Amino acid sequence: MSKIDITAIENFGFENDPIVIRQQGRGIIGGRLLDLDNYSPEYVRVGQVIIRDEENEVSKPWPVKVATDGTLSYDALPEGYKVEGVSLRTILVSDPEMVGVMYEGEVNDVASPIPLTGTVLTAIKASCPNLTFKHD
């Protein structure tokens, strides 16, 4: 198990991680080892959308765009992929580990690490109809 430097916690917004998953439901037993090739952010965060190419049996974070100010947004969904669920933990991209993927439950949309647009929510609902996004 890799260790996270406690001084780096603020660098990846640890303060929201505990409140992103409002109600954990069903997920992928044993999790997934994600394909992180060409993934530029330093972390895959709790609540981040995970996609899967069933034909090639590859799961990875939904690609993101990094703005000049450092904010993230979801890019286009790659062809052949569909939403598998959301990540249940934060991992370092440089030290990949198995990630739990939840496809049924409740996610705090306001605390999500990357804003959820209409296109992203439509793709999530098509593949994971029992994954809901709410906030207080």
N, C-alpha and C. Protein backbone atom coordinates (compact mmCIF):
# COMPACT_ATOMS: atom_id res chain seq x y z
N MET A 1 0.84 -1.18 0.00
CA MET A 1 0.00 0.00 0.00
C MET A 1 0.89 1.24 0.00
N SER A 2 0.60 2.18 -0.88
CA SER A 2 1.42 3.39 -0.93
C SER A 2 0.97 4.36 0.15
N LYS A 3 1.90 5.20 0.56
CA LYS A 3 1.62 6.18 1.59
C LYS A 3 1.42 7.54 0.96
N ILE A 4 0.49 8.31 1.51
CA ILE A 4 0.26 9.67 1.04
C ILE A 4 0.91 10.61 2.03
N ASP A 5 1.72 11.51 1.52
CA ASP A 5 2.38 12.51 2.35
C ASP A 5 1.32 13.44 2.91
N ILE A 6 1.21 13.49 4.23
CA ILE A 6 0.19 14.30 4.88
C ILE A 6 0.30 15.76 4.50
N THR A 7 1.51 16.25 4.19
CA THR A 7 1.67 17.65 3.79
C THR A 7 1.13 17.91 2.39
N ALA A 8 0.93 16.85 1.61
CA ALA A 8 0.42 17.01 0.24
C ALA A 8 -1.09 16.95 0.18
N ILE A 9 -1.75 16.67 1.29
CA ILE A 9 -3.19 16.49 1.27
C ILE A 9 -3.91 17.69 0.68
N GLU A 10 -3.52 18.90 1.05
CA GLU A 10 -4.18 20.08 0.51
C GLU A 10 -3.98 20.20 -0.99
N ASN A 11 -2.90 19.67 -1.52
CA ASN A 11 -2.62 19.77 -2.95
C ASN A 11 -3.66 19.06 -3.80
N PHE A 12 -4.31 18.05 -3.27
CA PHE A 12 -5.32 17.39 -4.09
C PHE A 12 -6.71 17.46 -3.47
N GLY A 13 -6.94 18.42 -2.59
CA GLY A 13 -8.28 18.70 -2.10
C GLY A 13 -8.86 17.64 -1.20
N PHE A 14 -8.04 17.05 -0.36
CA PHE A 14 -8.49 15.97 0.51
C PHE A 14 -9.74 16.34 1.30
N GLU A 15 -9.92 17.62 1.60
CA GLU A 15 -11.04 18.02 2.44
C GLU A 15 -12.41 17.60 1.89
N ASN A 16 -12.59 17.47 0.61
CA ASN A 16 -13.88 17.05 0.06
C ASN A 16 -14.03 15.53 -0.10
N ASP A 17 -12.93 14.80 -0.12
CA ASP A 17 -13.01 13.36 -0.37
C ASP A 17 -14.00 12.63 0.54
N PRO A 18 -14.04 12.92 1.84
CA PRO A 18 -14.96 12.17 2.70
C PRO A 18 -16.45 12.45 2.45
N ILE A 19 -16.78 13.55 1.77
CA ILE A 19 -18.20 13.88 1.57
C ILE A 19 -18.69 13.65 0.15
N VAL A 20 -17.85 13.16 -0.74
CA VAL A 20 -18.27 12.96 -2.13
C VAL A 20 -19.26 11.81 -2.25
N ILE A 21 -18.99 10.69 -1.62
CA ILE A 21 -19.91 9.55 -1.67
C ILE A 21 -20.90 9.70 -0.52
N ARG A 22 -22.13 10.03 -0.85
CA ARG A 22 -23.17 10.24 0.16
C ARG A 22 -23.75 8.92 0.65
N GLN A 23 -23.93 7.99 -0.26
CA GLN A 23 -24.45 6.67 0.10
C GLN A 23 -23.80 5.65 -0.83
N GLN A 24 -22.99 4.78 -0.25
CA GLN A 24 -22.32 3.77 -1.07
C GLN A 24 -23.28 2.62 -1.35
N GLY A 25 -23.42 2.30 -2.61
CA GLY A 25 -24.27 1.20 -3.02
C GLY A 25 -23.42 0.11 -3.65
N ARG A 26 -23.96 -0.51 -4.68
CA ARG A 26 -23.27 -1.62 -5.32
C ARG A 26 -22.12 -1.13 -6.20
N GLY A 27 -21.11 -2.01 -6.34
CA GLY A 27 -19.95 -1.65 -7.14
C GLY A 27 -19.24 -2.89 -7.66
N ILE A 28 -18.13 -2.67 -8.30
CA ILE A 28 -17.31 -3.74 -8.87
C ILE A 28 -16.57 -4.43 -7.73
N ILE A 29 -16.86 -5.69 -7.50
CA ILE A 29 -16.20 -6.44 -6.44
C ILE A 29 -14.71 -6.56 -6.78
N GLY A 30 -13.88 -6.17 -5.84
CA GLY A 30 -12.43 -6.22 -6.05
C GLY A 30 -11.87 -4.99 -6.75
N GLY A 31 -12.71 -4.17 -7.34
CA GLY A 31 -12.27 -2.95 -7.99
C GLY A 31 -11.61 -3.19 -9.34
N ARG A 32 -10.97 -2.17 -9.85
CA ARG A 32 -10.31 -2.21 -11.15
C ARG A 32 -8.92 -1.59 -11.04
N LEU A 33 -7.99 -2.13 -11.81
CA LEU A 33 -6.71 -1.47 -12.02
C LEU A 33 -6.89 -0.62 -13.27
N LEU A 34 -6.79 0.69 -13.12
CA LEU A 34 -7.11 1.61 -14.21
C LEU A 34 -5.95 1.80 -15.17
N ASP A 35 -6.29 1.96 -16.45
CA ASP A 35 -5.33 2.35 -17.47
C ASP A 35 -5.13 3.85 -17.32
N LEU A 36 -3.94 4.27 -16.93
CA LEU A 36 -3.66 5.68 -16.68
C LEU A 36 -2.71 6.28 -17.72
N ASP A 37 -2.49 5.57 -18.82
CA ASP A 37 -1.66 6.11 -19.90
C ASP A 37 -2.30 7.38 -20.43
N ASN A 38 -1.50 8.38 -20.67
CA ASN A 38 -1.94 9.67 -21.21
C ASN A 38 -2.90 10.42 -20.29
N TYR A 39 -2.92 10.08 -19.00
CA TYR A 39 -3.76 10.79 -18.04
C TYR A 39 -2.89 11.81 -17.33
N SER A 40 -3.16 13.11 -17.51
CA SER A 40 -2.24 14.14 -17.04
C SER A 40 -2.41 14.59 -15.59
N PRO A 41 -3.60 14.61 -14.99
CA PRO A 41 -3.66 15.03 -13.59
C PRO A 41 -2.84 14.11 -12.69
N GLU A 42 -2.47 14.62 -11.53
CA GLU A 42 -1.63 13.88 -10.59
C GLU A 42 -2.41 12.80 -9.84
N TYR A 43 -3.73 13.00 -9.70
CA TYR A 43 -4.56 12.08 -8.93
C TYR A 43 -5.82 11.69 -9.69
N VAL A 44 -6.34 10.50 -9.41
CA VAL A 44 -7.72 10.12 -9.74
C VAL A 44 -8.44 10.25 -8.41
N ARG A 45 -9.49 11.04 -8.38
CA ARG A 45 -10.14 11.41 -7.13
C ARG A 45 -11.41 10.62 -6.85
N VAL A 46 -11.79 10.59 -5.58
CA VAL A 46 -13.06 10.01 -5.18
C VAL A 46 -14.17 10.70 -5.97
N GLY A 47 -15.08 9.94 -6.53
CA GLY A 47 -16.21 10.50 -7.27
C GLY A 47 -15.94 10.76 -8.73
N GLN A 48 -14.70 10.56 -9.16
CA GLN A 48 -14.38 10.78 -10.57
C GLN A 48 -15.01 9.67 -11.42
N VAL A 49 -15.52 10.02 -12.58
CA VAL A 49 -16.20 9.07 -13.46
C VAL A 49 -15.19 8.12 -14.09
N ILE A 50 -15.50 6.81 -13.98
CA ILE A 50 -14.67 5.76 -14.55
C ILE A 50 -15.41 5.18 -15.75
N ILE A 51 -14.70 4.98 -16.84
CA ILE A 51 -15.30 4.46 -18.07
C ILE A 51 -14.66 3.12 -18.42
N ARG A 52 -15.34 2.35 -19.28
CA ARG A 52 -14.83 1.02 -19.62
C ARG A 52 -15.10 0.70 -21.08
N ASP A 53 -14.10 0.10 -21.71
CA ASP A 53 -14.21 -0.48 -23.04
C ASP A 53 -14.38 -1.98 -22.82
N GLU A 54 -15.60 -2.48 -22.92
CA GLU A 54 -15.89 -3.89 -22.64
C GLU A 54 -15.20 -4.82 -23.63
N GLU A 55 -15.10 -4.41 -24.87
CA GLU A 55 -14.49 -5.27 -25.88
C GLU A 55 -13.03 -5.60 -25.54
N ASN A 56 -12.30 -4.58 -25.09
CA ASN A 56 -10.89 -4.76 -24.76
C ASN A 56 -10.64 -4.93 -23.26
N GLU A 57 -11.70 -4.90 -22.47
CA GLU A 57 -11.64 -5.04 -21.01
C GLU A 57 -10.68 -4.04 -20.38
N VAL A 58 -10.87 -2.76 -20.72
CA VAL A 58 -10.02 -1.69 -20.21
C VAL A 58 -10.90 -0.67 -19.48
N SER A 59 -10.53 -0.37 -18.23
CA SER A 59 -11.20 0.69 -17.46
C SER A 59 -10.21 1.82 -17.24
N LYS A 60 -10.72 3.05 -17.25
CA LYS A 60 -9.86 4.21 -17.02
C LYS A 60 -10.72 5.38 -16.58
N PRO A 61 -10.08 6.42 -16.03
CA PRO A 61 -10.85 7.62 -15.71
C PRO A 61 -11.32 8.27 -17.01
N TRP A 62 -12.51 8.85 -16.97
CA TRP A 62 -12.99 9.62 -18.13
C TRP A 62 -11.94 10.70 -18.39
N PRO A 63 -11.46 10.85 -19.63
CA PRO A 63 -10.43 11.86 -19.92
C PRO A 63 -10.86 13.26 -19.48
N VAL A 64 -9.88 14.03 -19.04
CA VAL A 64 -10.15 15.39 -18.58
C VAL A 64 -9.28 16.39 -19.32
N LYS A 65 -9.75 17.63 -19.30
CA LYS A 65 -8.98 18.76 -19.82
C LYS A 65 -8.54 19.58 -18.62
N VAL A 66 -7.31 20.05 -18.66
CA VAL A 66 -6.79 20.89 -17.60
C VAL A 66 -6.68 22.32 -18.14
N ALA A 67 -7.43 23.24 -17.54
CA ALA A 67 -7.38 24.64 -17.96
C ALA A 67 -6.09 25.29 -17.48
N THR A 68 -5.78 26.44 -18.02
CA THR A 68 -4.55 27.14 -17.63
C THR A 68 -4.54 27.50 -16.15
N ASP A 69 -5.72 27.66 -15.55
CA ASP A 69 -5.78 27.97 -14.11
C ASP A 69 -5.77 26.70 -13.25
N GLY A 70 -5.65 25.54 -13.89
CA GLY A 70 -5.56 24.28 -13.16
C GLY A 70 -6.89 23.56 -12.93
N THR A 71 -8.01 24.21 -13.27
CA THR A 71 -9.30 23.54 -13.09
C THR A 71 -9.49 22.44 -14.12
N LEU A 72 -10.23 21.43 -13.74
CA LEU A 72 -10.46 20.27 -14.60
C LEU A 72 -11.89 20.27 -15.13
N SER A 73 -12.06 19.73 -16.32
CA SER A 73 -13.38 19.48 -16.88
C SER A 73 -13.30 18.17 -17.68
N TYR A 74 -14.43 17.49 -17.78
CA TYR A 74 -14.44 16.25 -18.55
C TYR A 74 -14.33 16.56 -20.04
N ASP A 75 -13.52 15.76 -20.74
CA ASP A 75 -13.35 15.87 -22.18
C ASP A 75 -14.40 14.99 -22.84
N ALA A 76 -14.30 14.78 -24.14
CA ALA A 76 -15.25 13.93 -24.85
C ALA A 76 -15.07 12.46 -24.43
N LEU A 77 -16.16 11.73 -24.40
CA LEU A 77 -16.12 10.30 -24.10
C LEU A 77 -15.49 9.58 -25.29
N PRO A 78 -14.41 8.82 -25.06
CA PRO A 78 -13.78 8.11 -26.18
C PRO A 78 -14.73 7.09 -26.81
N GLU A 79 -14.59 6.91 -28.10
CA GLU A 79 -15.41 5.94 -28.83
C GLU A 79 -15.17 4.53 -28.28
N GLY A 80 -16.25 3.80 -28.12
CA GLY A 80 -16.17 2.43 -27.64
C GLY A 80 -16.24 2.30 -26.13
N TYR A 81 -16.24 3.41 -25.42
CA TYR A 81 -16.30 3.39 -23.95
C TYR A 81 -17.69 3.77 -23.48
N LYS A 82 -18.05 3.24 -22.31
CA LYS A 82 -19.27 3.65 -21.63
C LYS A 82 -18.94 3.84 -20.15
N VAL A 83 -19.80 4.54 -19.45
CA VAL A 83 -19.57 4.80 -18.04
C VAL A 83 -19.72 3.50 -17.26
N GLU A 84 -18.74 3.26 -16.38
CA GLU A 84 -18.77 2.08 -15.51
C GLU A 84 -19.22 2.47 -14.10
N GLY A 85 -18.94 3.69 -13.68
CA GLY A 85 -19.31 4.14 -12.35
C GLY A 85 -18.42 5.29 -11.92
N VAL A 86 -18.25 5.43 -10.59
CA VAL A 86 -17.37 6.47 -10.04
C VAL A 86 -16.35 5.83 -9.10
N SER A 87 -15.20 6.47 -9.00
CA SER A 87 -14.12 5.99 -8.14
C SER A 87 -14.51 6.13 -6.67
N LEU A 88 -14.15 5.13 -5.88
CA LEU A 88 -14.44 5.17 -4.44
C LEU A 88 -13.25 5.63 -3.61
N ARG A 89 -12.13 5.91 -4.25
CA ARG A 89 -10.98 6.39 -3.50
C ARG A 89 -10.09 7.25 -4.38
N THR A 90 -9.22 8.01 -3.74
CA THR A 90 -8.25 8.84 -4.43
C THR A 90 -6.93 8.07 -4.52
N ILE A 91 -6.35 8.05 -5.72
CA ILE A 91 -5.06 7.39 -5.90
C ILE A 91 -4.10 8.31 -6.65
N LEU A 92 -2.83 8.10 -6.42
CA LEU A 92 -1.79 8.80 -7.17
C LEU A 92 -1.66 8.15 -8.55
N VAL A 93 -1.64 8.93 -9.59
CA VAL A 93 -1.47 8.39 -10.94
C VAL A 93 -0.09 7.75 -11.08
N SER A 94 0.89 8.30 -10.40
CA SER A 94 2.25 7.77 -10.49
C SER A 94 2.43 6.45 -9.74
N ASP A 95 1.46 6.08 -8.91
CA ASP A 95 1.54 4.85 -8.12
C ASP A 95 0.17 4.16 -8.15
N PRO A 96 -0.26 3.67 -9.32
CA PRO A 96 -1.62 3.15 -9.45
C PRO A 96 -1.90 1.95 -8.55
N GLU A 97 -3.10 1.93 -8.05
CA GLU A 97 -3.59 0.85 -7.19
C GLU A 97 -4.99 0.48 -7.66
N MET A 98 -5.50 -0.62 -7.12
CA MET A 98 -6.87 -1.00 -7.42
C MET A 98 -7.82 0.08 -6.89
N VAL A 99 -8.86 0.36 -7.65
CA VAL A 99 -9.83 1.38 -7.28
C VAL A 99 -11.21 0.75 -7.28
N GLY A 100 -11.93 0.92 -6.18
CA GLY A 100 -13.32 0.50 -6.15
C GLY A 100 -14.13 1.37 -7.09
N VAL A 101 -15.06 0.76 -7.82
CA VAL A 101 -15.90 1.50 -8.76
C VAL A 101 -17.36 1.26 -8.39
N MET A 102 -18.06 2.32 -8.00
CA MET A 102 -19.46 2.23 -7.59
C MET A 102 -20.37 2.57 -8.76
N TYR A 103 -21.34 1.68 -9.05
CA TYR A 103 -22.29 1.95 -10.13
C TYR A 103 -23.71 2.13 -9.62
N GLU A 104 -23.90 2.02 -8.31
CA GLU A 104 -25.22 2.24 -7.72
C GLU A 104 -25.01 2.91 -6.37
N GLY A 105 -25.60 4.06 -6.17
CA GLY A 105 -25.44 4.80 -4.93
C GLY A 105 -25.69 6.27 -5.16
N GLU A 106 -25.25 7.09 -4.20
CA GLU A 106 -25.51 8.53 -4.27
C GLU A 106 -24.20 9.31 -4.11
N VAL A 107 -23.98 10.24 -5.03
CA VAL A 107 -22.77 11.06 -5.07
C VAL A 107 -23.15 12.52 -4.84
N ASN A 108 -22.34 13.22 -4.05
CA ASN A 108 -22.53 14.64 -3.83
C ASN A 108 -22.01 15.38 -5.06
N ASP A 109 -22.93 15.87 -5.89
CA ASP A 109 -22.53 16.50 -7.14
C ASP A 109 -21.75 17.79 -6.92
N VAL A 110 -22.01 18.52 -5.86
CA VAL A 110 -21.31 19.77 -5.59
C VAL A 110 -19.87 19.51 -5.13
N ALA A 111 -19.66 18.41 -4.40
CA ALA A 111 -18.33 18.07 -3.89
C ALA A 111 -17.51 17.24 -4.88
N SER A 112 -18.11 16.84 -5.99
CA SER A 112 -17.39 16.04 -6.99
C SER A 112 -16.14 16.77 -7.45
N PRO A 113 -15.06 16.04 -7.69
CA PRO A 113 -13.79 16.70 -8.02
C PRO A 113 -13.79 17.41 -9.37
N ILE A 114 -14.66 17.00 -10.27
CA ILE A 114 -14.75 17.62 -11.60
C ILE A 114 -16.22 17.93 -11.85
N PRO A 115 -16.54 19.15 -12.27
CA PRO A 115 -17.95 19.51 -12.49
C PRO A 115 -18.64 18.55 -13.47
N LEU A 116 -19.88 18.21 -13.14
CA LEU A 116 -20.67 17.29 -13.97
C LEU A 116 -21.58 18.09 -14.88
N THR A 117 -21.30 18.04 -16.17
CA THR A 117 -22.11 18.75 -17.16
C THR A 117 -23.26 17.88 -17.62
N GLY A 118 -24.17 18.45 -18.39
CA GLY A 118 -25.31 17.71 -18.91
C GLY A 118 -24.91 16.51 -19.75
N THR A 119 -23.88 16.65 -20.58
CA THR A 119 -23.41 15.56 -21.43
C THR A 119 -22.89 14.40 -20.59
N VAL A 120 -22.13 14.72 -19.55
CA VAL A 120 -21.57 13.70 -18.68
C VAL A 120 -22.69 12.99 -17.91
N LEU A 121 -23.62 13.77 -17.37
CA LEU A 121 -24.73 13.18 -16.62
C LEU A 121 -25.61 12.30 -17.51
N THR A 122 -25.80 12.70 -18.76
CA THR A 122 -26.58 11.89 -19.70
C THR A 122 -25.89 10.54 -19.93
N ALA A 123 -24.58 10.55 -20.12
CA ALA A 123 -23.83 9.30 -20.32
C ALA A 123 -23.87 8.43 -19.07
N ILE A 124 -23.79 9.04 -17.90
CA ILE A 124 -23.87 8.28 -16.65
C ILE A 124 -25.23 7.62 -16.52
N LYS A 125 -26.28 8.36 -16.75
CA LYS A 125 -27.65 7.82 -16.63
C LYS A 125 -27.90 6.69 -17.61
N ALA A 126 -27.32 6.76 -18.80
CA ALA A 126 -27.50 5.71 -19.80
C ALA A 126 -26.88 4.39 -19.35
N SER A 127 -25.74 4.46 -18.67
CA SER A 127 -25.02 3.25 -18.26
C SER A 127 -25.27 2.84 -16.81
N CYS A 128 -25.51 3.82 -15.96
CA CYS A 128 -25.65 3.57 -14.51
C CYS A 128 -26.90 4.28 -14.00
N PRO A 129 -28.09 3.80 -14.35
CA PRO A 129 -29.31 4.51 -13.96
C PRO A 129 -29.55 4.59 -12.46
N ASN A 130 -28.88 3.74 -11.67
CA ASN A 130 -29.07 3.77 -10.22
C ASN A 130 -27.99 4.55 -9.49
N LEU A 131 -27.22 5.33 -10.23
CA LEU A 131 -26.22 6.22 -9.65
C LEU A 131 -26.84 7.62 -9.68
N THR A 132 -27.06 8.20 -8.50
CA THR A 132 -27.71 9.50 -8.43
C THR A 132 -26.74 10.55 -7.92
N PHE A 133 -27.02 11.80 -8.26
CA PHE A 133 -26.17 12.94 -7.88
C PHE A 133 -27.04 13.98 -7.20
N LYS A 134 -26.75 14.20 -5.90
CA LYS A 134 -27.52 15.14 -5.10
C LYS A 134 -26.58 15.89 -4.16
N HIS A 135 -27.10 16.89 -3.52
CA HIS A 135 -26.34 17.61 -2.48
C HIS A 135 -27.31 18.20 -1.48
N ASP A 136 -26.78 18.66 -0.33
CA ASP A 136 -27.61 19.27 0.71
C ASP A 136 -27.92 20.69 0.36
